[in-house]
Amino acid sequence: MNAIDATDRHIKTSDGPPPSLLAIILDTNPHAWAHLSSTLPLSKAVANLLVFINAHLASGNANEVAVIASHSQRAQWLYPTPKPSSPRSTTTTSNGHDSSSQNRSRNRDMDMANGTTALSDSANKYRPFATIEHAIQTNLTALLSTTTATDLSSTTTTLIGGALSTALTYIAKSTIRHSPVDPTLTAAAADATNPSAHLADSDGTASTQRVSLTSRILVLSVSGDLASQYIPVMNAIFAAQRQRIPIDILKLAGDTVLLQQACDATGGIYMAPAAPQGLLQYLMMAFLPDAVARRALVLPGAGDVDFRAACFCHRRVVDVGFVCSVCLSIFCEPLTDATCLTCGSHLSLATAQTAAPALIPRKKKKRKRAPGEAVTPAGSNTPVPGGTPTHA
């Protein structure tokens, strides 16, 4: 047919922007949200966050989202919901009934007892939006209901380090799944290049149409002191910096040094609004564009970044400290036994504290002679040999 009418009928691929994965970390610290209950309740913040998620999914057909709750003692998935580890095989009981139907009815009864109902088919809401909204609200309600008074009294901070590690792991898995495969490679070479290629496509024809995935992390933080998690947070920052994954920070309450450093090191956006009531406006105007769209936009600056570090002994942010020469661990005061707590090396911190600093003498600079100036300065006596008599 092409030879008859000379029409180019090749299949055109999509020339739009690449798919974007947005990993959202929601700080669900009960102590912090209790202080914000008068200005911004948690329910209102979640409602604004759901509108922002819908806008992200609507901006691209292939966009994805993942929501992780950074709670007091653990990091919990809000979306996608982890699959249960129970086997899916269908077995038959001794009385001849199907056990899978019994399990489904038992799970339905448990859901009714826990107060969670199935997703209703409503014609007034887009089905993917309703699915994500139902999953986030259900998992968040289950997370808050299982938090006991003992958990609240044991700690007042949030596990932001575990949430960042979980988000980076999910991004790495999604990146491998979306990475394109060269059609010239063999099956063995394709599996070595992209091990998850056979999981997304049953044959090798459609795998060449996939494009790379752009990812970013958005942290909605309300906790103040995160110095106790300095090491895991910094490791997550370095991993995100190496993978070129920007970490955006929206600070609604408190002030932390680590999140400013995470935003500055990865090239993200840091905002600490004075009025948290306009949460949806900050989300839509500053954090909706992905990494590709930000190249053509004027982004808000992070301002003055505090680059202070936290000590490894007491987890306190220090201005001046003692650094181990082997593992570069930071300590706020000299150790009693002069042994590094991280690598066990013997340190001479006491000697370094009492010894006077070495001073290097400054070299004397010779004055340059001006043009026409005599070698002997004017007014100075000419040296006379000792054995020559002089007469007046």
Foldseek 3Di string as FASTA:
>chain_A
DCVPPVDDDDDDFDPDDAAEEEEEEEEPQVVLQVVCVVFAHPVNVVVLVLVLVVVLCVVDVRYYYWYWYFYLPAIHGQPPHDDDPDDPDWDADPVGDIVNVVVVVVVQVVCVVVVQDDQDDDPVDDVVSSVSVSSNVVRVVVVVVPDDPVSNVVDRFTPVLNSLVVVVVVVVVVQLQQDAFDPVDDPVVRCVVRVCPCVVDVDNPCRNSGHGYAYEYEYEDRDADDLVVQVSLVVSLVVCLVVLHAYEYEYAHYHDQSVLVSNVSNVYHYDHDPRCNPVSVCSVPAPSDGPVVCVPDDHDDSPDHDPFHAAPPPSHTDDDFDADPPPRGTHRDQDPQQADPPPGDRHDVVCVVPDDDDDDDDDDDDDDDDPPADPDHPPDDDDDDPPDDDDD
